[in-house]
Amino acid sequence: MATHSRPLKPKLRSKSRILILSVSAATIAFLCIFSSSISTAKKLVRVAASEKSYYKDHNLEKKYLYWGKKIDCPGKHCDSCEGLGHQESSLRCALQEAMFLQRTFVMPSRMCINPIHNKKGILHQSVNGSSEERWEASSCSMDSLYDLELISKTVPVILDNSKMWYRVLSTSMKLGARGVAHVEGIDRVDLKEDARYSNLLMINRTASPLSWFMECKDRKNHSALALPYSFLPAMSAKKLRDAAEQIKDLLGEYDAIHVRRGDKIKTRKDRFGVSRSLHPHLDRDTRPEFILHRIAKWIPPGRTLFIASNERTPGFFSPLSVRYKLAYSSNYSSILDQVIENNYQLFMVERLIMMGANTFIRTFKEDENDLSLTDDPKKNTKIWQIPVYTMDGERS
């Protein structure tokens, strides 16, 4: 028996080694999977904690103001939604109403992007796609544009795809007539003071089919507005604010101009074949030679000039370089390419940069004290005039 036991030992050792290696490999694999699971679990816990933290101040004791699903894409107007300026103007009005009513505002989870104002990224619509697919393709998530936690410090908001909102909907359905009222044409003072509305969990407003939320009736009276024009630009998503800060640091001391051309320079011929425009001086006033003449009294030569514009002609503003060091957002693609998915986000970053300039000159005058490239009114006068291209009658 002894003679057979010796040659078996190497085989046993070999099998033992294989077994040990197999167990070790299995153990390592298990630990990797376990470690990955722990990491994933931790991420899920962080996300859950973040959502819990964000919605901790939102509960069913609060009251809510809702404007409907896809409010900026109402029916036949889905393919021609308003531009960001109109949308923000309308959104500010809705937020102000929520403030007045002391209600949490239910923010749409997505914002429609007007194809006219978007040449980057997300617009790949299929004519044969469903309306829902077209909506997804022509919109972007609201939290990719705005910092909802930051907004909530002034006006509490939740998204219409959040768990909290589903809880509110479920509760309002159980409450029936005591839970929700669908209102249209009712003054906000009545909504606040009339117990038929003020005590309801949710008020469902009816939006304008042409301009996203309802426009403020006193929106031209800036002193009467609870939220200034600068509110939403300052509420840009953190990644957009961070990108703007990086670019501002690289620019150093700088001035800025916003030159709006393409979508505003429209002409049509009258019955005599003469071209006319709603902004008769705009094309002239936003050309480089006239910009140089206009801004000379505000920006001294040698300064860095940041230019934001929808003009698509390459090198269009190059003549300005005889007096200024020119800078564009395209000079900072290494920063922007990591965060920008559409032109709304790009404009929001550019807007933050322009707001940080020593001297900022708009295309149109928004307020009485604004500096502007043209004296033409921004709002359409509905009067079609012959365009002016000479310096005759130049303003003082």
Foldseek 3Di string as FASTA:
>chain_A
DVVVVVVCVVVVVVVVVVVVVVVVVVVVVVVVVVVVVVVVVVVVVVVVVVVCVLCVVPDLVFAEEAADEQLQCPPPCNQAGDAPVLQVQQVLVQQQLCVVLVHAYAAEQKHFHHPVLWDFFQADDDPPDDPVRNNRSRIDTPLLWFDQSVVCVPHHYDYCVDPSNVVLVVVLVVVDQQAEDEDEPDDSVCCRPPPSRSRHRYYHYHADNHRRRDHDPCSLVQVPRPDHPCRGLVRTRPLLVVLLVVVLVVQDAAAEEEQEDDVQPDWDADPVRAIWHLQQANVQLRAQVNVCVQCCVPDFFAGEYEYHYPDDDPCRNVVNVVGYNYDYVVVVCVSQVVSDRISSSVVSSVVSNNVPHPYYEYCEDSDPPHHHSDPRHPDGPVDIGHHDNDCPPPDD
